Amino acid sequence: EQAALERILQLRDSGMGARKIARILNGQGIANPRKGGVWTPENIASILRTVERRRAVLASRVRALSPQPDPQQVIEAMRNREWRL
């Protein structure tokens, strides 16, 4: 399952949509472990939605744990070239 997920994300990151990803996985003989071997655009879209939701939750948790810098400190650090955008 992990190898299939990594391949799906790789194809998505290269700009492909769910329909094309399903066609490629089926063409390469990569079996869908949950649906009897056949990938559908709906399967792919569902996986991508789940990944995006999990990434959003993780990002919000990271933001919640990261202290927000004081704007004045940011300006001062930029003046001193200690921090760059």
N, C-alpha and C. Protein backbone atom coordinates (compact mmCIF):
# COMPACT_ATOMS: atom_id res chain seq x y z
N GLU A 1 0.82 -1.19 0.00
CA GLU A 1 0.00 0.00 0.00
C GLU A 1 0.86 1.25 0.00
N GLN A 2 1.94 1.25 0.76
CA GLN A 2 2.79 2.44 0.85
C GLN A 2 3.42 2.75 -0.50
N ALA A 3 3.86 1.73 -1.22
CA ALA A 3 4.47 1.96 -2.53
C ALA A 3 3.45 2.55 -3.50
N ALA A 4 2.22 2.07 -3.45
CA ALA A 4 1.17 2.60 -4.32
C ALA A 4 0.88 4.05 -3.95
N LEU A 5 0.81 4.36 -2.67
CA LEU A 5 0.55 5.73 -2.24
C LEU A 5 1.67 6.66 -2.69
N GLU A 6 2.90 6.23 -2.53
CA GLU A 6 4.02 7.06 -2.97
C GLU A 6 3.97 7.31 -4.47
N ARG A 7 3.59 6.29 -5.24
CA ARG A 7 3.48 6.45 -6.70
C ARG A 7 2.35 7.42 -7.04
N ILE A 8 1.22 7.31 -6.35
CA ILE A 8 0.09 8.22 -6.58
C ILE A 8 0.51 9.66 -6.31
N LEU A 9 1.19 9.88 -5.20
CA LEU A 9 1.61 11.24 -4.84
C LEU A 9 2.66 11.77 -5.83
N GLN A 10 3.53 10.90 -6.28
CA GLN A 10 4.54 11.30 -7.27
C GLN A 10 3.86 11.74 -8.56
N LEU A 11 2.89 10.97 -9.01
CA LEU A 11 2.18 11.32 -10.24
C LEU A 11 1.37 12.60 -10.05
N ARG A 12 0.74 12.76 -8.90
CA ARG A 12 -0.04 13.97 -8.62
C ARG A 12 0.87 15.20 -8.59
N ASP A 13 2.02 15.05 -7.96
CA ASP A 13 2.97 16.16 -7.88
C ASP A 13 3.50 16.56 -9.25
N SER A 14 3.46 15.63 -10.20
CA SER A 14 3.90 15.96 -11.56
C SER A 14 2.79 16.59 -12.37
N GLY A 15 1.61 16.78 -11.73
CA GLY A 15 0.53 17.51 -12.39
C GLY A 15 -0.59 16.66 -12.97
N MET A 16 -0.58 15.37 -12.73
CA MET A 16 -1.61 14.50 -13.30
C MET A 16 -2.87 14.48 -12.45
N GLY A 17 -3.99 14.26 -13.11
CA GLY A 17 -5.26 14.15 -12.43
C GLY A 17 -5.58 12.71 -12.07
N ALA A 18 -6.68 12.53 -11.36
CA ALA A 18 -7.06 11.21 -10.85
C ALA A 18 -7.29 10.20 -11.98
N ARG A 19 -7.93 10.62 -13.05
CA ARG A 19 -8.22 9.71 -14.16
C ARG A 19 -6.94 9.18 -14.79
N LYS A 20 -6.00 10.07 -15.03
CA LYS A 20 -4.74 9.66 -15.66
C LYS A 20 -3.92 8.79 -14.70
N ILE A 21 -3.92 9.14 -13.42
CA ILE A 21 -3.18 8.34 -12.44
C ILE A 21 -3.74 6.92 -12.40
N ALA A 22 -5.07 6.78 -12.37
CA ALA A 22 -5.70 5.45 -12.35
C ALA A 22 -5.31 4.67 -13.59
N ARG A 23 -5.32 5.33 -14.74
CA ARG A 23 -4.96 4.66 -16.00
C ARG A 23 -3.51 4.17 -15.96
N ILE A 24 -2.62 5.00 -15.43
CA ILE A 24 -1.20 4.63 -15.36
C ILE A 24 -0.99 3.46 -14.40
N LEU A 25 -1.58 3.54 -13.20
CA LEU A 25 -1.40 2.45 -12.23
C LEU A 25 -1.94 1.14 -12.78
N ASN A 26 -3.10 1.18 -13.40
CA ASN A 26 -3.66 -0.05 -13.99
C ASN A 26 -2.78 -0.56 -15.12
N GLY A 27 -2.24 0.36 -15.93
CA GLY A 27 -1.37 -0.02 -17.04
C GLY A 27 -0.06 -0.62 -16.58
N GLN A 28 0.42 -0.17 -15.43
CA GLN A 28 1.68 -0.68 -14.89
C GLN A 28 1.48 -1.94 -14.05
N GLY A 29 0.22 -2.36 -13.92
CA GLY A 29 -0.06 -3.57 -13.15
C GLY A 29 0.05 -3.39 -11.65
N ILE A 30 -0.04 -2.16 -11.17
CA ILE A 30 0.01 -1.91 -9.73
C ILE A 30 -1.40 -2.11 -9.19
N ALA A 31 -1.56 -3.13 -8.37
CA ALA A 31 -2.89 -3.51 -7.89
C ALA A 31 -3.38 -2.59 -6.79
N ASN A 32 -4.67 -2.34 -6.78
CA ASN A 32 -5.31 -1.60 -5.69
C ASN A 32 -5.57 -2.61 -4.58
N PRO A 33 -4.91 -2.47 -3.44
CA PRO A 33 -5.04 -3.47 -2.38
C PRO A 33 -6.42 -3.54 -1.75
N ARG A 34 -7.23 -2.51 -1.93
CA ARG A 34 -8.54 -2.49 -1.28
C ARG A 34 -9.71 -2.75 -2.21
N LYS A 35 -9.52 -2.66 -3.48
CA LYS A 35 -10.65 -2.80 -4.41
C LYS A 35 -10.45 -3.92 -5.42
N GLY A 36 -9.77 -4.95 -5.04
CA GLY A 36 -9.62 -6.10 -5.92
C GLY A 36 -8.71 -5.88 -7.10
N GLY A 37 -7.80 -4.95 -7.00
CA GLY A 37 -6.78 -4.80 -8.02
C GLY A 37 -7.00 -3.69 -9.02
N VAL A 38 -8.20 -3.17 -9.19
CA VAL A 38 -8.46 -2.16 -10.21
C VAL A 38 -8.54 -0.78 -9.57
N TRP A 39 -7.83 0.17 -10.16
CA TRP A 39 -7.88 1.56 -9.72
C TRP A 39 -8.93 2.30 -10.52
N THR A 40 -9.69 3.15 -9.86
CA THR A 40 -10.65 4.01 -10.54
C THR A 40 -10.30 5.46 -10.20
N PRO A 41 -10.74 6.40 -11.03
CA PRO A 41 -10.51 7.80 -10.70
C PRO A 41 -11.09 8.18 -9.33
N GLU A 42 -12.21 7.55 -8.97
CA GLU A 42 -12.82 7.83 -7.67
C GLU A 42 -11.93 7.37 -6.53
N ASN A 43 -11.29 6.19 -6.67
CA ASN A 43 -10.36 5.71 -5.65
C ASN A 43 -9.21 6.70 -5.46
N ILE A 44 -8.66 7.12 -6.58
CA ILE A 44 -7.52 8.04 -6.54
C ILE A 44 -7.93 9.36 -5.91
N ALA A 45 -9.06 9.91 -6.33
CA ALA A 45 -9.53 11.19 -5.80
C ALA A 45 -9.76 11.10 -4.29
N SER A 46 -10.31 9.99 -3.84
CA SER A 46 -10.55 9.80 -2.41
C SER A 46 -9.24 9.77 -1.64
N ILE A 47 -8.26 9.07 -2.16
CA ILE A 47 -6.94 9.00 -1.52
C ILE A 47 -6.31 10.38 -1.46
N LEU A 48 -6.39 11.12 -2.55
CA LEU A 48 -5.79 12.46 -2.59
C LEU A 48 -6.48 13.41 -1.62
N ARG A 49 -7.81 13.30 -1.49
CA ARG A 49 -8.53 14.14 -0.51
C ARG A 49 -8.08 13.82 0.91
N THR A 50 -7.94 12.53 1.21
CA THR A 50 -7.50 12.11 2.53
C THR A 50 -6.10 12.63 2.83
N VAL A 51 -5.20 12.53 1.87
CA VAL A 51 -3.84 13.02 2.06
C VAL A 51 -3.85 14.52 2.30
N GLU A 52 -4.63 15.26 1.53
CA GLU A 52 -4.69 16.71 1.71
C GLU A 52 -5.25 17.09 3.08
N ARG A 53 -6.27 16.37 3.53
CA ARG A 53 -6.83 16.63 4.87
C ARG A 53 -5.78 16.38 5.95
N ARG A 54 -5.07 15.29 5.82
CA ARG A 54 -4.05 14.95 6.82
C ARG A 54 -2.91 15.97 6.81
N ARG A 55 -2.52 16.42 5.63
CA ARG A 55 -1.48 17.44 5.54
C ARG A 55 -1.95 18.74 6.18
N ALA A 56 -3.21 19.11 5.96
CA ALA A 56 -3.74 20.34 6.54
C ALA A 56 -3.78 20.26 8.07
N VAL A 57 -4.17 19.11 8.60
CA VAL A 57 -4.21 18.93 10.05
C VAL A 57 -2.79 19.01 10.61
N LEU A 58 -1.87 18.36 9.97
CA LEU A 58 -0.48 18.39 10.43
C LEU A 58 0.07 19.81 10.38
N ALA A 59 -0.20 20.52 9.30
CA ALA A 59 0.28 21.90 9.19
C ALA A 59 -0.30 22.78 10.28
N SER A 60 -1.58 22.60 10.59
CA SER A 60 -2.18 23.43 11.64
C SER A 60 -1.59 23.09 13.01
N ARG A 61 -1.27 21.83 13.23
CA ARG A 61 -0.63 21.45 14.50
C ARG A 61 0.76 22.03 14.62
N VAL A 62 1.49 22.02 13.52
CA VAL A 62 2.84 22.58 13.54
C VAL A 62 2.76 24.08 13.81
N ARG A 63 1.82 24.77 13.13
CA ARG A 63 1.66 26.21 13.37
C ARG A 63 1.29 26.48 14.82
N ALA A 64 0.45 25.63 15.40
CA ALA A 64 0.02 25.84 16.79
C ALA A 64 1.19 25.65 17.76
N LEU A 65 2.12 24.78 17.41
CA LEU A 65 3.26 24.53 18.29
C LEU A 65 4.38 25.53 18.10
N SER A 66 4.42 26.18 16.94
CA SER A 66 5.49 27.13 16.65
C SER A 66 5.14 28.49 17.22
N PRO A 67 6.01 29.04 18.01
CA PRO A 67 5.72 30.38 18.53
C PRO A 67 5.74 31.40 17.40
N GLN A 68 4.81 32.31 17.44
CA GLN A 68 4.76 33.37 16.44
C GLN A 68 5.74 34.47 16.83
N PRO A 69 6.60 34.87 15.91
CA PRO A 69 7.55 35.91 16.26
C PRO A 69 6.87 37.26 16.41
N ASP A 70 7.43 38.05 17.26
CA ASP A 70 6.94 39.41 17.45
C ASP A 70 7.30 40.19 16.18
N PRO A 71 6.34 40.89 15.58
CA PRO A 71 6.62 41.62 14.33
C PRO A 71 7.81 42.58 14.46
N GLN A 72 7.93 43.20 15.60
CA GLN A 72 9.06 44.13 15.79
C GLN A 72 10.39 43.37 15.77
N GLN A 73 10.41 42.17 16.35
CA GLN A 73 11.63 41.36 16.33
C GLN A 73 11.97 40.94 14.91
N VAL A 74 10.95 40.63 14.10
CA VAL A 74 11.19 40.25 12.71
C VAL A 74 11.81 41.42 11.95
N ILE A 75 11.25 42.61 12.13
CA ILE A 75 11.78 43.79 11.45
C ILE A 75 13.22 44.04 11.87
N GLU A 76 13.49 43.93 13.13
CA GLU A 76 14.85 44.13 13.64
C GLU A 76 15.81 43.08 13.08
N ALA A 77 15.40 41.85 13.06
CA ALA A 77 16.24 40.77 12.54
C ALA A 77 16.52 40.98 11.05
N MET A 78 15.51 41.46 10.31
CA MET A 78 15.72 41.72 8.88
C MET A 78 16.70 42.86 8.69
N ARG A 79 16.60 43.87 9.54
CA ARG A 79 17.55 44.99 9.46
C ARG A 79 18.98 44.51 9.71
N ASN A 80 19.11 43.58 10.66
CA ASN A 80 20.43 43.06 11.01
C ASN A 80 20.87 41.90 10.12
N ARG A 81 20.03 41.58 9.12
CA ARG A 81 20.29 40.48 8.18
C ARG A 81 20.43 39.13 8.88
N GLU A 82 19.76 38.97 10.00
CA GLU A 82 19.77 37.71 10.71
C GLU A 82 18.71 36.76 10.18
N TRP A 83 17.75 37.34 9.48
CA TRP A 83 16.63 36.52 8.99
C TRP A 83 16.19 37.08 7.67
N ARG A 84 15.97 36.22 6.71
CA ARG A 84 15.57 36.67 5.37
C ARG A 84 14.27 36.01 4.97
N LEU A 85 13.51 36.71 4.15
CA LEU A 85 12.26 36.14 3.61
C LEU A 85 12.59 35.22 2.47
